[in-house]
Structure formats: C-alpha cells, structure tokens
C-alpha atoms as a PDB file:
ATOM      1  CA  MET A   1      -4.826   7.353 -39.246  1.00  0.00           C
ATOM      2  CA  SER A   2      -2.537   6.657 -36.336  1.00  0.00           C
ATOM      3  CA  ARG A   3      -2.434   2.776 -36.634  1.00  0.00           C
ATOM      4  CA  GLU A   4      -1.849   3.279 -40.615  1.00  0.00           C
ATOM      5  CA  GLU A   5       1.316   5.363 -39.681  1.00  0.00           C
ATOM      6  CA  ASN A   6       2.595   3.456 -36.819  1.00  0.00           C
ATOM      7  CA  ALA A   7       2.310   0.964 -38.841  1.00  0.00           C
ATOM      8  CA  ARG A   8       4.426   2.132 -41.867  1.00  0.00           C
ATOM      9  CA  TYR A   9       6.711   2.763 -38.671  1.00  0.00           C
ATOM     10  CA  LEU A  10       7.154   0.123 -37.631  1.00  0.00           C
ATOM     11  CA  GLU A  11       7.209  -2.154 -40.957  1.00  0.00           C
ATOM     12  CA  SER A  12      10.367   0.180 -41.881  1.00  0.00           C
ATOM     13  CA  ILE A  13      11.971  -0.877 -38.108  1.00  0.00           C
ATOM     14  CA  ARG A  14      11.718  -4.351 -39.381  1.00  0.00           C
ATOM     15  CA  GLN A  15      12.955  -3.417 -42.697  1.00  0.00           C
ATOM     16  CA  ARG A  16      16.646  -1.934 -40.789  1.00  0.00           C
ATOM     17  CA  GLY A  17      16.525  -4.343 -38.187  1.00  0.00           C
ATOM     18  CA  ALA A  18      19.780  -6.753 -37.853  1.00  0.00           C
ATOM     19  CA  LEU A  19      17.549  -9.702 -38.730  1.00  0.00           C
ATOM     20  CA  ALA A  20      16.362  -7.941 -41.949  1.00  0.00           C
ATOM     21  CA  PRO A  21      20.050  -9.270 -44.804  1.00  0.00           C
ATOM     22  CA  PHE A  22      19.102 -12.581 -42.829  1.00  0.00           C
ATOM     23  CA  LYS A  23      15.150 -12.620 -43.589  1.00  0.00           C
ATOM     24  CA  ARG A  24      15.993 -11.823 -47.266  1.00  0.00           C
ATOM     25  CA  TRP A  25      18.396 -14.355 -47.776  1.00  0.00           C
ATOM     26  CA  MET A  26      16.121 -17.257 -46.826  1.00  0.00           C
ATOM     27  CA  LYS A  27      13.529 -16.181 -49.143  1.00  0.00           C
ATOM     28  CA  LEU A  28      16.227 -17.540 -51.712  1.00  0.00           C
ATOM     29  CA  TRP A  29      16.739 -20.705 -49.915  1.00  0.00           C
ATOM     30  CA  PRO A  30      14.432 -22.406 -52.960  1.00  0.00           C
ATOM     31  CA  PHE A  31      16.335 -20.541 -55.531  1.00  0.00           C
ATOM     32  CA  LEU A  32      20.067 -22.426 -54.321  1.00  0.00           C
ATOM     33  CA  LEU A  33      18.589 -25.230 -53.830  1.00  0.00           C
ATOM     34  CA  VAL A  34      17.509 -26.112 -57.295  1.00  0.00           C
ATOM     35  CA  ALA A  35      20.887 -24.422 -58.495  1.00  0.00           C
ATOM     36  CA  TYR A  36      22.800 -26.945 -56.072  1.00  0.00           C
ATOM     37  CA  ALA A  37      20.202 -30.078 -57.508  1.00  0.00           C
ATOM     38  CA  VAL A  38      21.608 -28.977 -61.541  1.00  0.00           C
ATOM     39  CA  MET A  39      24.905 -28.410 -60.433  1.00  0.00           C
ATOM     40  CA  TYR A  40      25.193 -32.280 -58.963  1.00  0.00           C
ATOM     41  CA  PHE A  41      24.095 -33.291 -61.989  1.00  0.00           C
ATOM     42  CA  MET A  42      25.654 -31.876 -64.306  1.00  0.00           C
ATOM     43  CA  PHE A  43      29.412 -32.896 -62.207  1.00  0.00           C
ATOM     44  CA  SER A  44      28.056 -36.386 -61.626  1.00  0.00           C
ATOM     45  CA  GLY A  45      26.724 -36.956 -64.761  1.00  0.00           C
ATOM     46  CA  GLY A  46      23.789 -37.574 -63.588  1.00  0.00           C
ATOM     47  CA  LYS A  47      24.338 -40.085 -60.804  1.00  0.00           C
ATOM     48  CA  LEU A  48      22.119 -39.980 -57.836  1.00  0.00           C
ATOM     49  CA  PRO A  49      23.969 -39.578 -54.162  1.00  0.00           C
ATOM     50  CA  GLY A  50      24.307 -42.770 -52.180  1.00  0.00           C
ATOM     51  CA  PRO A  51      23.398 -43.425 -48.238  1.00  0.00           C
ATOM     52  CA  PRO A  52      25.057 -40.958 -46.220  1.00  0.00           C
ATOM     53  CA  SER A  53      27.841 -43.396 -44.296  1.00  0.00           C
ATOM     54  CA  PHE A  54      28.404 -43.585 -40.354  1.00  0.00           C
ATOM     55  CA  ALA A  55      30.664 -40.974 -40.646  1.00  0.00           C
ATOM     56  CA  ASP A  56      28.796 -38.448 -42.401  1.00  0.00           C
ATOM     57  CA  LEU A  57      26.180 -39.069 -40.276  1.00  0.00           C
ATOM     58  CA  SER A  58      27.847 -38.533 -36.940  1.00  0.00           C
ATOM     59  CA  ARG A  59      29.669 -35.185 -38.441  1.00  0.00           C
ATOM     60  CA  VAL A  60      26.164 -33.820 -39.364  1.00  0.00           C
ATOM     61  CA  GLY A  61      24.622 -34.544 -35.549  1.00  0.00           C
ATOM     62  CA  SER A  62      27.460 -33.088 -34.505  1.00  0.00           C
ATOM     63  CA  GLN A  63      27.301 -29.850 -36.105  1.00  0.00           C
ATOM     64  CA  LEU A  64      23.392 -30.100 -35.442  1.00  0.00           C
ATOM     65  CA  LEU A  65      23.917 -29.991 -32.056  1.00  0.00           C
ATOM     66  CA  ILE A  66      26.471 -27.561 -31.356  1.00  0.00           C
ATOM     67  CA  GLY A  67      23.712 -25.918 -33.739  1.00  0.00           C
ATOM     68  CA  VAL A  68      20.915 -26.320 -31.442  1.00  0.00           C
ATOM     69  CA  VAL A  69      23.590 -25.048 -28.602  1.00  0.00           C
ATOM     70  CA  VAL A  70      24.081 -22.582 -29.636  1.00  0.00           C
ATOM     71  CA  PHE A  71      19.947 -21.100 -30.260  1.00  0.00           C
ATOM     72  CA  VAL A  72      19.427 -22.328 -27.453  1.00  0.00           C
ATOM     73  CA  GLY A  73      22.782 -20.266 -25.353  1.00  0.00           C
ATOM     74  CA  ALA A  74      21.845 -17.389 -27.434  1.00  0.00           C
ATOM     75  CA  LEU A  75      17.886 -17.561 -26.596  1.00  0.00           C
ATOM     76  CA  GLY A  76      19.148 -17.855 -22.855  1.00  0.00           C
ATOM     77  CA  PHE A  77      21.555 -14.641 -22.954  1.00  0.00           C
ATOM     78  CA  VAL A  78      18.393 -12.373 -24.479  1.00  0.00           C
ATOM     79  CA  PHE A  79      16.112 -14.071 -21.588  1.00  0.00           C
ATOM     80  CA  TRP A  80      19.048 -13.105 -18.368  1.00  0.00           C
ATOM     81  CA  LYS A  81      19.140  -9.855 -20.048  1.00  0.00           C
ATOM     82  CA  GLY A  82      15.636  -8.606 -20.228  1.00  0.00           C
ATOM     83  CA  GLN A  83      15.598 -10.198 -16.261  1.00  0.00           C
ATOM     84  CA  SER A  84      18.603  -8.222 -15.305  1.00  0.00           C
ATOM     85  CA  THR A  85      17.773  -5.170 -16.722  1.00  0.00           C
ATOM     86  CA  ARG A  86      14.453  -5.452 -15.198  1.00  0.00           C
ATOM     87  CA  ARG A  87      16.532  -6.410 -11.759  1.00  0.00           C
ATOM     88  CA  GLU A  88      18.543  -3.025 -12.178  1.00  0.00           C
ATOM     89  CA  ILE A  89      15.481  -0.767 -12.715  1.00  0.00           C
ATOM     90  CA  LYS A  90      13.753  -2.311  -9.785  1.00  0.00           C
ATOM     91  CA  ALA A  91      17.601  -1.651  -7.256  1.00  0.00           C
ATOM     92  CA  ALA A  92      17.521   1.404  -9.015  1.00  0.00           C
ATOM     93  CA  PHE A  93      14.171   2.690  -7.620  1.00  0.00           C
ATOM     94  CA  LEU A  94      15.320   2.369  -3.593  1.00  0.00           C
ATOM     95  CA  HIS A  95      18.339   4.784  -4.448  1.00  0.00           C
ATOM     96  CA  PRO A  96      17.387   8.273  -2.324  1.00  0.00           C
ATOM     97  CA  ASP A  97      17.177  10.346  -5.937  1.00  0.00           C
ATOM     98  CA  ALA A  98      17.147   9.561 -10.027  1.00  0.00           C
ATOM     99  CA  SER A  99      20.155   9.271 -10.482  1.00  0.00           C
ATOM    100  CA  ALA A 100      20.728   5.189 -10.429  1.00  0.00           C
ATOM    101  CA  LEU A 101      17.572   5.204 -12.614  1.00  0.00           C
ATOM    102  CA  LEU A 102      19.279   8.018 -15.387  1.00  0.00           C
ATOM    103  CA  ALA A 103      22.324   5.428 -15.165  1.00  0.00           C
ATOM    104  CA  VAL A 104      20.557   2.794 -15.938  1.00  0.00           C
ATOM    105  CA  TYR A 105      18.743   4.424 -18.530  1.00  0.00           C
ATOM    106  CA  ASP A 106      21.425   5.920 -20.381  1.00  0.00           C
ATOM    107  CA  ARG A 107      23.371   2.052 -20.474  1.00  0.00           C
ATOM    108  CA  MET A 108      20.250   0.788 -21.896  1.00  0.00           C
ATOM    109  CA  LEU A 109      19.412   3.434 -24.494  1.00  0.00           C
ATOM    110  CA  ALA A 110      22.641   3.906 -25.170  1.00  0.00           C
ATOM    111  CA  ALA A 111      22.798   6.084 -28.254  1.00  0.00           C
ATOM    112  CA  ASN A 112      24.907   3.884 -30.946  1.00  0.00           C
ATOM    113  CA  SER A 113      21.371   1.647 -30.479  1.00  0.00           C
ATOM    114  CA  ARG A 114      20.529   0.174 -33.980  1.00  0.00           C
ATOM    115  CA  PHE A 115      16.458   1.182 -33.108  1.00  0.00           C
ATOM    116  CA  PRO A 116      16.186   4.980 -35.319  1.00  0.00           C
ATOM    117  CA  ASP A 117      14.445   6.814 -32.325  1.00  0.00           C
ATOM    118  CA  ILE A 118      16.262   5.778 -29.650  1.00  0.00           C
ATOM    119  CA  ASP A 119      16.550   9.537 -28.313  1.00  0.00           C
ATOM    120  CA  SER A 120      12.790   9.840 -28.243  1.00  0.00           C
ATOM    121  CA  VAL A 121      12.752   6.692 -25.726  1.00  0.00           C
ATOM    122  CA  ARG A 122      15.785   7.679 -23.652  1.00  0.00           C
ATOM    123  CA  VAL A 123      14.491  11.677 -23.457  1.00  0.00           C
ATOM    124  CA  SER A 124      10.936   9.666 -22.035  1.00  0.00           C
ATOM    125  CA  SER A 125      12.285   7.328 -19.730  1.00  0.00           C
ATOM    126  CA  ARG A 126      14.636   9.680 -18.436  1.00  0.00           C
ATOM    127  CA  ALA A 127      11.537  12.044 -18.242  1.00  0.00           C
ATOM    128  CA  LEU A 128       9.396   9.682 -16.238  1.00  0.00           C
ATOM    129  CA  ALA A 129      12.427   9.138 -13.729  1.00  0.00           C
ATOM    130  CA  HIS A 130      12.368  12.614 -12.766  1.00  0.00           C
ATOM    131  CA  ALA A 131       8.701  12.505 -12.402  1.00  0.00           C
ATOM    132  CA  PHE A 132       8.795   9.925  -9.826  1.00  0.00           C
ATOM    133  CA  TYR A 133      10.922  11.390  -8.038  1.00  0.00           C
ATOM    134  CA  GLY A 134       8.770  14.348  -7.779  1.00  0.00           C
ATOM    135  CA  ASP A 135      11.709  16.982 -10.170  1.00  0.00           C
ATOM    136  CA  ALA A 136       8.786  18.128 -12.772  1.00  0.00           C
ATOM    137  CA  ALA A 137      11.217  21.164 -14.162  1.00  0.00           C
ATOM    138  CA  SER A 138      14.048  18.039 -15.148  1.00  0.00           C
ATOM    139  CA  ALA A 139      11.213  16.144 -16.632  1.00  0.00           C
ATOM    140  CA  ARG A 140       9.976  18.880 -18.689  1.00  0.00           C
ATOM    141  CA  ARG A 141      13.935  19.886 -19.522  1.00  0.00           C
ATOM    142  CA  GLU A 142      14.285  16.083 -20.130  1.00  0.00           C
ATOM    143  CA  LEU A 143      10.834  16.330 -22.971  1.00  0.00           C
ATOM    144  CA  ALA A 144      12.048  20.100 -24.567  1.00  0.00           C
ATOM    145  CA  SER A 145      15.456  19.112 -25.322  1.00  0.00           C
ATOM    146  CA  ILE A 146      14.627  17.075 -28.633  1.00  0.00           C
ATOM    147  CA  ASN A 147      12.188  18.091 -31.638  1.00  0.00           C
ATOM    148  CA  TRP A 148       9.193  15.691 -31.151  1.00  0.00           C
ATOM    149  CA  ALA A 149       7.478  17.350 -34.908  1.00  0.00           C
ATOM    150  CA  GLY A 150       7.130  15.227 -37.773  1.00  0.00           C
ATOM    151  CA  ARG A 151       7.497  12.186 -35.859  1.00  0.00           C
ATOM    152  CA  PRO A 152       5.177   8.989 -36.165  1.00  0.00           C
ATOM    153  CA  PRO A 153       2.772   8.997 -33.451  1.00  0.00           C
ATOM    154  CA  VAL A 154       3.974   5.840 -31.897  1.00  0.00           C
ATOM    155  CA  ILE A 155       6.843   8.379 -30.792  1.00  0.00           C
ATOM    156  CA  ARG A 156       5.462  11.256 -30.513  1.00  0.00           C
ATOM    157  CA  ALA A 157       2.510  10.049 -27.669  1.00  0.00           C
ATOM    158  CA  MET A 158       6.017   9.642 -25.816  1.00  0.00           C
ATOM    159  CA  GLU A 159       5.697  13.823 -25.152  1.00  0.00           C
ATOM    160  CA  ARG A 160       2.082  13.495 -24.333  1.00  0.00           C
ATOM    161  CA  VAL A 161       2.010  10.381 -21.694  1.00  0.00           C
ATOM    162  CA  GLY A 162       5.796  12.239 -20.613  1.00  0.00           C
ATOM    163  CA  GLU A 163       3.526  15.582 -20.170  1.00  0.00           C
ATOM    164  CA  ALA A 164       0.287  13.527 -18.177  1.00  0.00           C
ATOM    165  CA  THR A 165       3.275  11.674 -16.360  1.00  0.00           C
ATOM    166  CA  ILE A 166       3.966  14.925 -14.662  1.00  0.00           C
ATOM    167  CA  LEU A 167       0.988  16.551 -14.440  1.00  0.00           C
ATOM    168  CA  LEU A 168      -0.840  13.461 -13.123  1.00  0.00           C
ATOM    169  CA  LEU A 169       1.637  12.579 -10.279  1.00  0.00           C
ATOM    170  CA  CYS A 170       3.959  16.280  -9.941  1.00  0.00           C
ATOM    171  CA  GLU A 171       1.408  18.768  -9.839  1.00  0.00           C
ATOM    172  CA  ASP A 172      -2.234  17.568  -8.963  1.00  0.00           C
ATOM    173  CA  ALA A 173      -3.644  18.925 -12.894  1.00  0.00           C
ATOM    174  CA  PRO A 174      -5.966  15.521 -13.173  1.00  0.00           C
ATOM    175  CA  GLU A 175      -8.220  16.799 -15.770  1.00  0.00           C
ATOM    176  CA  GLN A 176      -5.233  18.407 -17.715  1.00  0.00           C
ATOM    177  CA  GLY A 177      -2.943  14.539 -17.313  1.00  0.00           C
ATOM    178  CA  LEU A 178      -5.825  12.601 -18.366  1.00  0.00           C
ATOM    179  CA  LEU A 179      -6.714  14.323 -21.626  1.00  0.00           C
ATOM    180  CA  LEU A 180      -3.235  13.894 -22.525  1.00  0.00           C
ATOM    181  CA  ALA A 181      -2.723  10.444 -21.100  1.00  0.00           C
ATOM    182  CA  LYS A 182      -6.016   9.521 -23.454  1.00  0.00           C
ATOM    183  CA  GLU A 183      -4.484  11.415 -26.409  1.00  0.00           C
ATOM    184  CA  ALA A 184      -1.002   9.673 -25.941  1.00  0.00           C
ATOM    185  CA  LEU A 185      -2.886   5.731 -25.396  1.00  0.00           C
ATOM    186  CA  SER A 186      -4.861   7.143 -28.780  1.00  0.00           C
ATOM    187  CA  MET A 187      -1.365   7.771 -30.873  1.00  0.00           C
ATOM    188  CA  VAL A 188      -0.245   4.227 -29.836  1.00  0.00           C
ATOM    189  CA  ASP A 189      -2.463   2.440 -31.679  1.00  0.00           C
ATOM    190  CA  VAL A 190      -0.364   0.181 -33.871  1.00  0.00           C
ATOM    191  CA  PRO A 191      -1.057  -3.364 -36.092  1.00  0.00           C
ATOM    192  CA  SER A 192      -1.466  -6.762 -33.943  1.00  0.00           C
ATOM    193  CA  VAL A 193       2.283  -7.299 -33.372  1.00  0.00           C
ATOM    194  CA  VAL A 194       4.304  -9.132 -30.231  1.00  0.00           C
ATOM    195  CA  GLY A 195       4.754  -7.286 -27.401  1.00  0.00           C
ATOM    196  CA  ALA A 196       2.042  -4.017 -28.191  1.00  0.00           C
ATOM    197  CA  ASN A 197       0.181  -5.014 -25.180  1.00  0.00           C
ATOM    198  CA  LYS A 198       2.950  -4.413 -23.425  1.00  0.00           C
ATOM    199  CA  ALA A 199       4.150  -1.028 -24.952  1.00  0.00           C
ATOM    200  CA  ARG A 200       0.380   0.103 -24.039  1.00  0.00           C
ATOM    201  CA  ALA A 201       0.480  -1.045 -20.578  1.00  0.00           C
ATOM    202  CA  TYR A 202       1.700   1.999 -19.010  1.00  0.00           C
ATOM    203  CA  TYR A 203      -0.632   4.403 -21.135  1.00  0.00           C
ATOM    204  CA  GLU A 204      -3.214   2.049 -19.981  1.00  0.00           C
ATOM    205  CA  ILE A 205      -2.538   2.455 -16.320  1.00  0.00           C
ATOM    206  CA  LEU A 206      -1.853   6.078 -16.673  1.00  0.00           C
ATOM    207  CA  VAL A 207      -5.750   6.615 -18.527  1.00  0.00           C
ATOM    208  CA  SER A 208      -6.483   4.650 -15.044  1.00  0.00           C
ATOM    209  CA  ILE A 209      -5.152   7.004 -12.822  1.00  0.00           C
ATOM    210  CA  GLY A 210      -5.793   9.820 -14.283  1.00  0.00           C
ATOM    211  CA  GLU A 211      -9.493   8.940 -14.024  1.00  0.00           C
ATOM    212  CA  VAL A 212      -9.288   7.708 -10.411  1.00  0.00           C
ATOM    213  CA  LEU A 213      -7.900  11.468  -9.191  1.00  0.00           C
ATOM    214  CA  THR A 214     -10.663  12.970 -11.267  1.00  0.00           C
ATOM    215  CA  GLY A 215     -13.317  10.936  -9.711  1.00  0.00           C
ATOM    216  CA  THR A 216     -14.667   9.720 -12.875  1.00  0.00           C
ATOM    217  CA  ALA A 217     -13.562   5.976 -12.886  1.00  0.00           C
ATOM    218  CA  THR A 218     -15.524   3.186 -13.007  1.00  0.00           C
ATOM    219  CA  PRO A 219     -14.311  -0.674 -12.109  1.00  0.00           C
ATOM    220  CA  ALA A 220     -13.299  -1.155 -15.795  1.00  0.00           C
ATOM    221  CA  SER A 221     -10.290   1.543 -14.263  1.00  0.00           C
ATOM    222  CA  LEU A 222      -9.733  -0.069 -11.074  1.00  0.00           C
ATOM    223  CA  GLN A 223      -9.463  -3.618 -13.145  1.00  0.00           C
ATOM    224  CA  VAL A 224      -6.817  -2.102 -15.597  1.00  0.00           C
ATOM    225  CA  LEU A 225      -4.499  -1.240 -12.604  1.00  0.00           C
ATOM    226  CA  GLU A 226      -5.247  -4.562 -10.394  1.00  0.00           C
ATOM    227  CA  GLN A 227      -4.198  -6.115 -13.477  1.00  0.00           C
ATOM    228  CA  HIS A 228      -1.457  -4.589 -14.714  1.00  0.00           C
ATOM    229  CA  HIS A 229      -0.077  -4.132 -11.168  1.00  0.00           C
ATOM    230  CA  GLN A 230       0.113  -7.829 -10.400  1.00  0.00           C
ATOM    231  CA  LYS A 231       1.019  -9.217 -14.001  1.00  0.00           C
ATOM    232  CA  THR A 232       3.754  -7.002 -14.836  1.00  0.00           C
ATOM    233  CA  ARG A 233       7.407  -7.224 -13.866  1.00  0.00           C
ATOM    234  CA  LEU A 234       8.856  -3.640 -15.309  1.00  0.00           C
ATOM    235  CA  ALA A 235       8.840  -1.663 -11.550  1.00  0.00           C
ATOM    236  CA  VAL A 236       7.569   1.178 -13.890  1.00  0.00           C
ATOM    237  CA  ALA A 237       4.462   0.069 -14.659  1.00  0.00           C
ATOM    238  CA  ARG A 238       4.428  -1.908 -11.290  1.00  0.00           C
ATOM    239  CA  LEU A 239       4.968   1.436  -9.563  1.00  0.00           C
ATOM    240  CA  PRO A 240       2.571   3.898 -10.901  1.00  0.00           C
ATOM    241  CA  SER A 241      -0.243   0.714 -10.549  1.00  0.00           C
ATOM    242  CA  ALA A 242       0.164   0.260  -6.951  1.00  0.00           C
ATOM    243  CA  TRP A 243       0.155   4.594  -6.249  1.00  0.00           C
ATOM    244  CA  GLY A 244      -3.457   4.603  -8.531  1.00  0.00           C
ATOM    245  CA  LEU A 245      -4.968   2.123  -6.172  1.00  0.00           C
ATOM    246  CA  ARG A 246      -3.583   3.075  -2.983  1.00  0.00           C
ATOM    247  CA  VAL A 247      -5.473   6.474  -3.618  1.00  0.00           C
ATOM    248  CA  ALA A 248      -8.384   4.277  -5.319  1.00  0.00           C
ATOM    249  CA  TYR A 249      -8.908   2.109  -1.969  1.00  0.00           C
ATOM    250  CA  THR A 250      -8.402   4.935   0.126  1.00  0.00           C
ATOM    251  CA  ARG A 251     -11.062   6.864  -1.406  1.00  0.00           C
ATOM    252  CA  ALA A 252     -13.336   4.189  -1.169  1.00  0.00           C
ATOM    253  CA  GLY A 253     -12.576   3.162   2.432  1.00  0.00           C
ATOM    254  CA  ASP A 254     -10.759  -0.138   1.402  1.00  0.00           C
ATOM    255  CA  THR A 255      -8.169   0.624   4.267  1.00  0.00           C
ATOM    256  CA  ALA A 256      -6.889  -3.130   3.916  1.00  0.00           C
ATOM    257  CA  ARG A 257      -6.465  -2.940   0.315  1.00  0.00           C
ATOM    258  CA  ALA A 258      -5.077   0.841   0.642  1.00  0.00           C
ATOM    259  CA  GLU A 259      -2.280  -0.449   3.092  1.00  0.00           C
ATOM    260  CA  ALA A 260      -1.291  -2.856   1.312  1.00  0.00           C
ATOM    261  CA  MET A 261      -0.712  -0.930  -1.605  1.00  0.00           C
ATOM    262  CA  ARG A 262       1.184   1.206   0.951  1.00  0.00           C
ATOM    263  CA  GLU A 263       3.354  -1.060   2.048  1.00  0.00           C
ATOM    264  CA  VAL A 264       4.468  -2.219  -1.624  1.00  0.00           C
ATOM    265  CA  LEU A 265       5.268   1.560  -2.394  1.00  0.00           C
ATOM    266  CA  GLN A 266       7.066   2.074   0.801  1.00  0.00           C
ATOM    267  CA  ARG A 267       9.708  -1.656   0.080  1.00  0.00           C
ATOM    268  CA  GLU A 268       9.915  -0.741  -3.904  1.00  0.00           C
ATOM    269  CA  ALA A 269      10.374   2.768  -4.116  1.00  0.00           C
ATOM    270  CA  PRO A 270      10.677   4.387  -0.825  1.00  0.00           C
ATOM    271  CA  HIS A 271      12.339   7.627  -2.049  1.00  0.00           C
ATOM    272  CA  CYS A 272       9.653   8.375  -4.305  1.00  0.00           C
ATOM    273  CA  ALA A 273       8.123  11.134  -2.960  1.00  0.00           C
ATOM    274  CA  PRO A 274       4.366  11.379  -5.876  1.00  0.00           C
ATOM    275  CA  LEU A 275       3.571   8.350  -4.764  1.00  0.00           C
ATOM    276  CA  HIS A 276       3.594   8.282  -0.927  1.00  0.00           C
ATOM    277  CA  ARG A 277       1.110  11.131  -1.004  1.00  0.00           C
ATOM    278  CA  ILE A 278      -2.939  10.797  -1.459  1.00  0.00           C
ATOM    279  CA  PRO A 279      -4.045  13.699  -3.364  1.00  0.00           C
ATOM    280  CA  GLY A 280      -6.924  16.336  -1.616  1.00  0.00           C
END
C-alpha cells in the first residue's frame, strides 16, 4: 500500500514541478512542426526552401553554441550548489552546538520552496540535528510542531525515523528504536526513480544500527553500514554509520577498526556527544 500511495504522491509533485509546463509544451512540438509546415507552404506558394546561406549557418551555429554554454553552465551551477551544501553541513558538524547545523537546514529548506511538504523535511532535519547533539527534548518538540496525520507514507516516515534516532542515539532504547526504524524503512518504499536509493540510505543505516545495539546484527547489517560509510558524501549518513561501525567493532574486539571509526567521529563531529559513547 505504501508503494502505491508514494507513487501517487511523487507523481503529484512531478506534475507541480518547475519543469512541468515546459514538458507539457514539449509534447505539442510535433503538432507545432506540422502547423509550421502547412503555414509555410500556404504563404510561399508551395515552394521548398532553398539551401541555407553561410550567414544563416553561422547564425544558427552561434545560437546553438550559446544554448550549449547556458545548458552546461546550468548543470555546473546545480553541481556546485550541491557540493556547497554538503560542505556547509560538514562544517556545521564542527560547531560546538546544533545552531550552525540548524541554520544550514533553515536556509536550505526555506518555507518558500516549491516542494509541497517542505515543512516536514525541515522539521525532520532539525530534529535529527538536535538528536545528534544529544538534545532529545528539542528533537521531540520539532517533531511535534506539525501534524503528520493524513500525509503520504514517505512523509510520515520522517516522524518515525526522527523518533527512532532519539531512542537509539540519546536514550538507550534500542528495541523500540529498531522497531520504529524498520517501520519507517517500510514506509519509504517508492517506485524506481532517480535518487530513491540515496533517499533510503539513512533509514537503512538506522535499521542496521538498531540491529547492532540489540545484538541481532548479521554480516549484512555490517555490510550496509560499511557501504554507506564508504560511499556517501553526506555527513548526516556518514557519521551515524561510523558510530554504528565503531560500536560493532568494539563489541567484536576489533580494536584497530574501532579506533579508525573513533578518529573519524572525533575529526568530523567532535561535539556530538551521542556519537562518542559506546552503549553498555
């Protein structure tokens, strides 16, 4: 059921996206081309156009070059913007409290965004920021600040995963946290779309952390944490996966790899207290 509801939700977002009007016009181009051809023959006496002159070719070439430059520039800007945001988030984790990370999320997830549920994303992100710094009360206040009822599963899952993060990182309630993390993961089942796997990364990490903390981890659980830690460039996924691996390595007596994860956490999130403890 979640998959179908999420599919309808994602389709509604696509239809309301910034490119939707352009895509609708693109569907009309064959009809516009035929209409142009009919009008041309009507007003040219049925004569076919002659070969283009050198000046025409030069003008078309210049216009094409400008179009390519603009397109490549737009792609470059999007890439640069993504890289810039990742760097800002990474730098915010070096701050002694959550204020820098909260400021990044507020700027990145502004209320005037075109995304229809931007308030949910912003609240969820702010809750995680508080949880990473050990402030469970503030994290729960964030989650309680909006009404999650009636929203599609992929959005309601954000509340579950936020609470699961609090239980696992801040309150030593791994059994409850694992149940909520698994429930949240089942709710983000979406069609095969670009970016879907990245969107599930944090949910998968949290489930694996819950399995480590409850003593139910399998080799697959550790593989999930290792793969996400090695491949992701997002601090919000890289740091919790490092913590889960440190706990797992410590309990397994693998002091070398546990120390390597401790160094990562000390270097990249020195003030996030929950990421520097080993639960009993």
